[in-house]
C-alpha atoms as a PDB file:
ATOM      1  CA  UNK A   1     -15.556 105.240  50.735  1.00  0.00           C
ATOM      2  CA  UNK A   2     -12.616 103.242  52.006  1.00  0.00           C
ATOM      3  CA  UNK A   3     -12.843 102.065  55.579  1.00  0.00           C
ATOM      4  CA  UNK A   4     -10.399 103.884  57.820  1.00  0.00           C
ATOM      5  CA  UNK A   5      -8.670 101.811  60.464  1.00  0.00           C
ATOM      6  CA  UNK A   6      -7.344 103.075  63.736  1.00  0.00           C
ATOM      7  CA  UNK A   7      -5.135 100.645  65.611  1.00  0.00           C
ATOM      8  CA  UNK A   8      -6.810  99.322  68.770  1.00  0.00           C
ATOM      9  CA  UNK A   9      -4.808  99.011  71.988  1.00  0.00           C
ATOM     10  CA  UNK A  10      -2.575  95.975  71.578  1.00  0.00           C
ATOM     11  CA  UNK A  11      -2.601  93.320  74.315  1.00  0.00           C
ATOM     12  CA  UNK A  12       0.612  91.786  75.541  1.00  0.00           C
ATOM     13  CA  UNK A  13       1.919  89.317  73.000  1.00  0.00           C
ATOM     14  CA  UNK A  14       1.052  85.756  74.034  1.00  0.00           C
ATOM     15  CA  UNK A  15       4.092  83.548  74.024  1.00  0.00           C
ATOM     16  CA  UNK A  16       4.333  81.274  71.021  1.00  0.00           C
ATOM     17  CA  UNK A  17       0.881  81.893  69.566  1.00  0.00           C
ATOM     18  CA  UNK A  18      -1.592  84.509  68.505  1.00  0.00           C
ATOM     19  CA  UNK A  19      -5.128  84.159  69.868  1.00  0.00           C
ATOM     20  CA  UNK A  20      -7.778  83.037  67.424  1.00  0.00           C
ATOM     21  CA  UNK A  21      -9.124  85.833  65.246  1.00  0.00           C
ATOM     22  CA  UNK A  22     -12.605  87.171  65.898  1.00  0.00           C
ATOM     23  CA  UNK A  23     -15.450  85.684  63.838  1.00  0.00           C
ATOM     24  CA  UNK A  24     -15.672  87.258  60.420  1.00  0.00           C
ATOM     25  CA  UNK A  25     -16.105  86.482  56.759  1.00  0.00           C
ATOM     26  CA  UNK A  26     -14.516  83.070  56.533  1.00  0.00           C
ATOM     27  CA  UNK A  27     -13.312  81.457  53.366  1.00  0.00           C
ATOM     28  CA  UNK A  28     -15.961  79.018  52.097  1.00  0.00           C
ATOM     29  CA  UNK A  29     -16.312  76.546  54.965  1.00  0.00           C
ATOM     30  CA  UNK A  30     -13.588  74.927  57.050  1.00  0.00           C
ATOM     31  CA  UNK A  31     -11.029  73.539  54.641  1.00  0.00           C
ATOM     32  CA  UNK A  32      -9.288  70.218  55.191  1.00  0.00           C
ATOM     33  CA  UNK A  33      -5.583  70.861  55.580  1.00  0.00           C
ATOM     34  CA  UNK A  34      -4.955  69.147  52.217  1.00  0.00           C
ATOM     35  CA  UNK A  35      -6.654  72.163  50.619  1.00  0.00           C
ATOM     36  CA  UNK A  36      -3.588  74.141  51.672  1.00  0.00           C
ATOM     37  CA  UNK A  37      -1.570  71.921  49.359  1.00  0.00           C
ATOM     38  CA  UNK A  38       0.906  72.725  48.062  1.00  0.00           C
ATOM     39  CA  UNK A  39       2.112  74.809  50.961  1.00  0.00           C
ATOM     40  CA  UNK A  40       5.002  77.197  50.351  1.00  0.00           C
ATOM     41  CA  UNK A  41       7.538  76.970  53.163  1.00  0.00           C
ATOM     42  CA  UNK A  42      10.094  79.716  53.742  1.00  0.00           C
ATOM     43  CA  UNK A  43      13.022  78.897  56.030  1.00  0.00           C
ATOM     44  CA  UNK A  44      16.743  79.193  56.464  1.00  0.00           C
ATOM     45  CA  UNK A  45      19.437  77.884  54.148  1.00  0.00           C
ATOM     46  CA  UNK A  46      21.323  77.305  57.408  1.00  0.00           C
ATOM     47  CA  UNK A  47      20.265  75.059  60.277  1.00  0.00           C
ATOM     48  CA  UNK A  48      20.840  77.701  62.914  1.00  0.00           C
ATOM     49  CA  UNK A  49      22.871  77.591  66.078  1.00  0.00           C
ATOM     50  CA  UNK A  50      20.684  75.199  68.061  1.00  0.00           C
ATOM     51  CA  UNK A  51      19.281  71.747  67.231  1.00  0.00           C
ATOM     52  CA  UNK A  52      15.728  72.800  68.120  1.00  0.00           C
ATOM     53  CA  UNK A  53      15.419  74.591  64.785  1.00  0.00           C
ATOM     54  CA  UNK A  54      16.149  71.481  62.722  1.00  0.00           C
ATOM     55  CA  UNK A  55      13.946  69.422  65.040  1.00  0.00           C
ATOM     56  CA  UNK A  56      11.053  71.803  64.419  1.00  0.00           C
ATOM     57  CA  UNK A  57      11.600  71.810  60.649  1.00  0.00           C
ATOM     58  CA  UNK A  58      11.715  68.010  60.615  1.00  0.00           C
ATOM     59  CA  UNK A  59       8.545  67.775  62.676  1.00  0.00           C
ATOM     60  CA  UNK A  60       6.779  70.233  60.382  1.00  0.00           C
ATOM     61  CA  UNK A  61       7.733  68.223  57.287  1.00  0.00           C
ATOM     62  CA  UNK A  62       6.452  65.035  58.893  1.00  0.00           C
ATOM     63  CA  UNK A  63       3.147  66.686  59.793  1.00  0.00           C
ATOM     64  CA  UNK A  64       2.765  67.919  56.214  1.00  0.00           C
ATOM     65  CA  UNK A  65       3.368  64.404  54.895  1.00  0.00           C
ATOM     66  CA  UNK A  66       0.934  62.822  57.348  1.00  0.00           C
ATOM     67  CA  UNK A  67      -1.787  65.305  56.466  1.00  0.00           C
ATOM     68  CA  UNK A  68      -1.311  65.076  52.712  1.00  0.00           C
ATOM     69  CA  UNK A  69       0.025  68.605  52.303  1.00  0.00           C
ATOM     70  CA  UNK A  70       2.485  68.989  49.453  1.00  0.00           C
ATOM     71  CA  UNK A  71       5.519  71.247  49.619  1.00  0.00           C
ATOM     72  CA  UNK A  72       6.746  74.011  47.353  1.00  0.00           C
ATOM     73  CA  UNK A  73      10.001  75.597  48.479  1.00  0.00           C
ATOM     74  CA  UNK A  74      13.315  77.008  47.313  1.00  0.00           C
ATOM     75  CA  UNK A  75      14.657  73.663  46.119  1.00  0.00           C
ATOM     76  CA  UNK A  76      17.707  73.573  48.371  1.00  0.00           C
ATOM     77  CA  UNK A  77      19.386  70.601  49.994  1.00  0.00           C
ATOM     78  CA  UNK A  78      21.016  72.584  52.789  1.00  0.00           C
ATOM     79  CA  UNK A  79      19.839  74.149  56.025  1.00  0.00           C
ATOM     80  CA  UNK A  80      16.279  73.971  57.265  1.00  0.00           C
ATOM     81  CA  UNK A  81      15.101  73.875  53.645  1.00  0.00           C
ATOM     82  CA  UNK A  82      16.799  70.532  53.184  1.00  0.00           C
ATOM     83  CA  UNK A  83      15.535  69.264  56.535  1.00  0.00           C
ATOM     84  CA  UNK A  84      11.895  69.935  55.616  1.00  0.00           C
ATOM     85  CA  UNK A  85      12.247  68.319  52.190  1.00  0.00           C
ATOM     86  CA  UNK A  86      14.095  65.313  53.602  1.00  0.00           C
ATOM     87  CA  UNK A  87      11.353  64.806  56.196  1.00  0.00           C
ATOM     88  CA  UNK A  88       8.701  64.549  53.490  1.00  0.00           C
ATOM     89  CA  UNK A  89      10.868  62.233  51.407  1.00  0.00           C
ATOM     90  CA  UNK A  90      11.540  59.963  54.393  1.00  0.00           C
ATOM     91  CA  UNK A  91       7.793  59.869  55.103  1.00  0.00           C
ATOM     92  CA  UNK A  92       7.077  58.682  51.552  1.00  0.00           C
ATOM     93  CA  UNK A  93       5.741  62.030  50.302  1.00  0.00           C
ATOM     94  CA  UNK A  94       8.624  62.970  48.035  1.00  0.00           C
ATOM     95  CA  UNK A  95       6.408  63.101  44.956  1.00  0.00           C
ATOM     96  CA  UNK A  96       4.444  65.968  46.539  1.00  0.00           C
ATOM     97  CA  UNK A  97       7.482  68.281  46.556  1.00  0.00           C
ATOM     98  CA  UNK A  98       8.106  71.067  44.051  1.00  0.00           C
ATOM     99  CA  UNK A  99      11.460  72.816  44.332  1.00  0.00           C
ATOM    100  CA  UNK A 100      12.230  76.105  42.585  1.00  0.00           C
ATOM    101  CA  UNK A 101      15.852  77.195  42.424  1.00  0.00           C
ATOM    102  CA  UNK A 102      17.957  79.603  40.419  1.00  0.00           C
ATOM    103  CA  UNK A 103      20.489  78.299  37.944  1.00  0.00           C
ATOM    104  CA  UNK A 104      23.267  80.023  39.888  1.00  0.00           C
ATOM    105  CA  UNK A 105      22.417  78.229  43.128  1.00  0.00           C
ATOM    106  CA  UNK A 106      21.964  74.931  41.325  1.00  0.00           C
ATOM    107  CA  UNK A 107      25.431  75.306  39.826  1.00  0.00           C
ATOM    108  CA  UNK A 108      26.806  75.730  43.342  1.00  0.00           C
ATOM    109  CA  UNK A 109      25.415  72.249  44.124  1.00  0.00           C
ATOM    110  CA  UNK A 110      22.807  73.570  46.555  1.00  0.00           C
ATOM    111  CA  UNK A 111      19.893  72.063  44.619  1.00  0.00           C
ATOM    112  CA  UNK A 112      18.204  69.055  46.212  1.00  0.00           C
ATOM    113  CA  UNK A 113      18.955  66.062  43.977  1.00  0.00           C
ATOM    114  CA  UNK A 114      16.458  63.876  45.806  1.00  0.00           C
ATOM    115  CA  UNK A 115      13.305  65.570  44.547  1.00  0.00           C
ATOM    116  CA  UNK A 116      11.822  64.787  41.149  1.00  0.00           C
ATOM    117  CA  UNK A 117      10.204  68.134  40.384  1.00  0.00           C
ATOM    118  CA  UNK A 118      13.053  70.640  40.600  1.00  0.00           C
ATOM    119  CA  UNK A 119      12.327  73.701  38.510  1.00  0.00           C
ATOM    120  CA  UNK A 120      15.197  75.948  37.438  1.00  0.00           C
ATOM    121  CA  UNK A 121      14.726  79.694  36.903  1.00  0.00           C
ATOM    122  CA  UNK A 122      17.079  82.529  36.059  1.00  0.00           C
ATOM    123  CA  UNK A 123      16.565  84.962  38.930  1.00  0.00           C
ATOM    124  CA  UNK A 124      15.449  85.248  42.543  1.00  0.00           C
ATOM    125  CA  UNK A 125      12.468  87.316  41.414  1.00  0.00           C
ATOM    126  CA  UNK A 126      11.335  84.499  39.129  1.00  0.00           C
ATOM    127  CA  UNK A 127      11.917  82.003  41.916  1.00  0.00           C
ATOM    128  CA  UNK A 128       9.690  83.802  44.420  1.00  0.00           C
ATOM    129  CA  UNK A 129       6.975  84.464  41.830  1.00  0.00           C
ATOM    130  CA  UNK A 130       6.957  80.821  40.705  1.00  0.00           C
ATOM    131  CA  UNK A 131       6.587  79.551  44.279  1.00  0.00           C
ATOM    132  CA  UNK A 132       3.803  82.024  45.010  1.00  0.00           C
ATOM    133  CA  UNK A 133       1.924  81.079  41.833  1.00  0.00           C
ATOM    134  CA  UNK A 134       1.935  77.405  42.831  1.00  0.00           C
ATOM    135  CA  UNK A 135       1.133  77.741  46.535  1.00  0.00           C
ATOM    136  CA  UNK A 136      -2.228  77.755  48.292  1.00  0.00           C
ATOM    137  CA  UNK A 137      -0.736  78.871  51.592  1.00  0.00           C
ATOM    138  CA  UNK A 138       2.531  80.138  53.048  1.00  0.00           C
ATOM    139  CA  UNK A 139       4.439  79.306  56.229  1.00  0.00           C
ATOM    140  CA  UNK A 140       7.639  80.813  57.597  1.00  0.00           C
ATOM    141  CA  UNK A 141       9.931  78.706  59.757  1.00  0.00           C
ATOM    142  CA  UNK A 142      13.039  80.192  61.407  1.00  0.00           C
ATOM    143  CA  UNK A 143      15.506  81.776  59.027  1.00  0.00           C
ATOM    144  CA  UNK A 144      17.485  84.886  58.249  1.00  0.00           C
ATOM    145  CA  UNK A 145      17.129  87.850  55.915  1.00  0.00           C
ATOM    146  CA  UNK A 146      16.188  85.682  52.927  1.00  0.00           C
ATOM    147  CA  UNK A 147      13.326  84.130  54.864  1.00  0.00           C
ATOM    148  CA  UNK A 148      12.218  87.551  56.095  1.00  0.00           C
ATOM    149  CA  UNK A 149      12.383  88.916  52.550  1.00  0.00           C
ATOM    150  CA  UNK A 150      10.056  86.162  51.349  1.00  0.00           C
ATOM    151  CA  UNK A 151       7.702  86.470  54.315  1.00  0.00           C
ATOM    152  CA  UNK A 152       7.412  90.259  54.061  1.00  0.00           C
ATOM    153  CA  UNK A 153       6.868  90.112  50.325  1.00  0.00           C
ATOM    154  CA  UNK A 154       3.990  87.669  50.686  1.00  0.00           C
ATOM    155  CA  UNK A 155       2.482  89.787  53.494  1.00  0.00           C
ATOM    156  CA  UNK A 156       2.789  92.818  51.210  1.00  0.00           C
ATOM    157  CA  UNK A 157       1.039  90.953  48.410  1.00  0.00           C
ATOM    158  CA  UNK A 158      -1.786  90.085  50.814  1.00  0.00           C
ATOM    159  CA  UNK A 159      -2.050  93.759  51.789  1.00  0.00           C
ATOM    160  CA  UNK A 160      -2.257  94.690  48.102  1.00  0.00           C
ATOM    161  CA  UNK A 161      -4.888  91.975  47.421  1.00  0.00           C
ATOM    162  CA  UNK A 162      -2.556  90.161  45.016  1.00  0.00           C
ATOM    163  CA  UNK A 163      -3.429  86.946  46.859  1.00  0.00           C
ATOM    164  CA  UNK A 164      -5.781  85.838  49.611  1.00  0.00           C
ATOM    165  CA  UNK A 165      -4.003  82.700  50.803  1.00  0.00           C
ATOM    166  CA  UNK A 166      -3.440  82.054  54.523  1.00  0.00           C
ATOM    167  CA  UNK A 167      -0.038  82.977  55.927  1.00  0.00           C
ATOM    168  CA  UNK A 168       1.378  81.092  58.893  1.00  0.00           C
ATOM    169  CA  UNK A 169       4.416  81.458  61.131  1.00  0.00           C
ATOM    170  CA  UNK A 170       5.841  78.498  63.051  1.00  0.00           C
ATOM    171  CA  UNK A 171       7.090  80.233  66.181  1.00  0.00           C
ATOM    172  CA  UNK A 172       9.758  77.853  67.457  1.00  0.00           C
ATOM    173  CA  UNK A 173      10.694  78.024  71.135  1.00  0.00           C
ATOM    174  CA  UNK A 174      14.379  77.876  72.052  1.00  0.00           C
ATOM    175  CA  UNK A 175      15.760  78.538  75.539  1.00  0.00           C
ATOM    176  CA  UNK A 176      12.444  79.903  76.743  1.00  0.00           C
ATOM    177  CA  UNK A 177      12.106  82.404  73.877  1.00  0.00           C
ATOM    178  CA  UNK A 178       9.942  82.153  70.784  1.00  0.00           C
ATOM    179  CA  UNK A 179      11.818  82.901  67.570  1.00  0.00           C
ATOM    180  CA  UNK A 180       9.392  85.361  65.975  1.00  0.00           C
ATOM    181  CA  UNK A 181       8.003  87.202  69.020  1.00  0.00           C
ATOM    182  CA  UNK A 182      10.125  90.320  68.472  1.00  0.00           C
ATOM    183  CA  UNK A 183       9.173  90.437  64.791  1.00  0.00           C
ATOM    184  CA  UNK A 184       5.481  90.254  65.639  1.00  0.00           C
ATOM    185  CA  UNK A 185       5.894  93.059  68.164  1.00  0.00           C
ATOM    186  CA  UNK A 186       7.493  95.134  65.414  1.00  0.00           C
ATOM    187  CA  UNK A 187       4.492  94.473  63.144  1.00  0.00           C
ATOM    188  CA  UNK A 188       2.214  95.528  65.993  1.00  0.00           C
ATOM    189  CA  UNK A 189       4.227  98.751  66.192  1.00  0.00           C
ATOM    190  CA  UNK A 190       3.910  99.329  62.424  1.00  0.00           C
ATOM    191  CA  UNK A 191       0.150  98.826  62.699  1.00  0.00           C
ATOM    192  CA  UNK A 192      -0.173 101.142  65.694  1.00  0.00           C
ATOM    193  CA  UNK A 193       1.715 103.843  63.751  1.00  0.00           C
ATOM    194  CA  UNK A 194      -0.665 103.297  60.803  1.00  0.00           C
ATOM    195  CA  UNK A 195       1.894 102.067  58.283  1.00  0.00           C
ATOM    196  CA  UNK A 196      -0.058  98.866  57.575  1.00  0.00           C
ATOM    197  CA  UNK A 197      -3.357  98.387  55.799  1.00  0.00           C
ATOM    198  CA  UNK A 198      -3.930  95.055  57.519  1.00  0.00           C
ATOM    199  CA  UNK A 199      -4.059  93.985  61.142  1.00  0.00           C
ATOM    200  CA  UNK A 200      -1.100  91.592  61.562  1.00  0.00           C
ATOM    201  CA  UNK A 201      -2.879  89.736  64.356  1.00  0.00           C
ATOM    202  CA  UNK A 202      -5.657  88.851  61.926  1.00  0.00           C
ATOM    203  CA  UNK A 203      -3.580  88.481  58.755  1.00  0.00           C
ATOM    204  CA  UNK A 204      -1.042  86.032  60.232  1.00  0.00           C
ATOM    205  CA  UNK A 205      -1.547  82.701  61.967  1.00  0.00           C
ATOM    206  CA  UNK A 206       1.234  82.328  64.527  1.00  0.00           C
ATOM    207  CA  UNK A 207       1.614  79.106  66.494  1.00  0.00           C
ATOM    208  CA  UNK A 208       4.343  76.917  67.946  1.00  0.00           C
ATOM    209  CA  UNK A 209       2.615  73.595  67.141  1.00  0.00           C
ATOM    210  CA  UNK A 210       2.649  72.315  63.516  1.00  0.00           C
ATOM    211  CA  UNK A 211      -0.709  70.509  63.643  1.00  0.00           C
ATOM    212  CA  UNK A 212      -2.466  73.384  65.332  1.00  0.00           C
ATOM    213  CA  UNK A 213      -0.910  75.855  62.910  1.00  0.00           C
ATOM    214  CA  UNK A 214      -2.305  73.983  59.899  1.00  0.00           C
ATOM    215  CA  UNK A 215      -5.693  73.551  61.605  1.00  0.00           C
ATOM    216  CA  UNK A 216      -5.940  77.280  62.201  1.00  0.00           C
ATOM    217  CA  UNK A 217      -4.691  78.192  58.717  1.00  0.00           C
ATOM    218  CA  UNK A 218      -7.390  76.025  57.152  1.00  0.00           C
ATOM    219  CA  UNK A 219     -10.128  78.169  58.734  1.00  0.00           C
ATOM    220  CA  UNK A 220      -8.384  81.538  58.702  1.00  0.00           C
ATOM    221  CA  UNK A 221     -10.666  84.426  57.665  1.00  0.00           C
ATOM    222  CA  UNK A 222      -9.848  86.298  54.494  1.00  0.00           C
ATOM    223  CA  UNK A 223      -7.596  89.305  55.008  1.00  0.00           C
ATOM    224  CA  UNK A 224      -9.405  92.552  55.765  1.00  0.00           C
ATOM    225  CA  UNK A 225      -7.743  95.607  54.268  1.00  0.00           C
ATOM    226  CA  UNK A 226      -8.130  99.180  55.453  1.00  0.00           C
ATOM    227  CA  UNK A 227      -7.686 102.608  53.952  1.00  0.00           C
ATOM    228  CA  UNK A 228      -5.298 105.186  55.336  1.00  0.00           C
ATOM    229  CA  UNK A 229      -6.483 108.354  56.991  1.00  0.00           C
ATOM    230  CA  UNK A 230      -6.402 111.403  54.738  1.00  0.00           C
ATOM    231  CA  UNK A 231      -5.507 114.428  56.862  1.00  0.00           C
END
């Protein structure tokens, strides 16, 4: 019989981070962060209004390079996507990058010409599937509806047991406010109303520090899925 989940009372959202999950069935042992490689990074094709977003993307790319974590991403040269890729290239880790881009976007000269492994596909569906097939983990940086589309799809796939890779969110702080706090509150609301089969506070690793985010992702418990009530 499927386990039925009732949402527990949700504590106030901690700024910038989620607390560590409760002990549970961990993936086999603590994994070195390189075992997350390649890491699929979702982020904006724009740099955003404030310089803190690009600063955070650059810092995240540098941390990936230092820790030996390869990158798979949408293959763009613009926005935060380009900033992350450029940070790895500048750190000498350009050979660890896989870019996946549609032919249409490549023809618009948005493809990153500085990476060696740029894979061209025909559709956005193929693009997202190709990135997911390659990745061993997923992280969302700030972005718009495209980033949210990718993040929600990969959360959905975790809920459906299509994958069991860790999912992280880099919760960048700008002007005293963390970028993804409102989104996480919305997921809490969805869980409380029993529209989710996973607990978002256990399924996602949310942190505002790149090193700590990767540390926590490397030991994140496997996603626990619940049945819905039949009434």
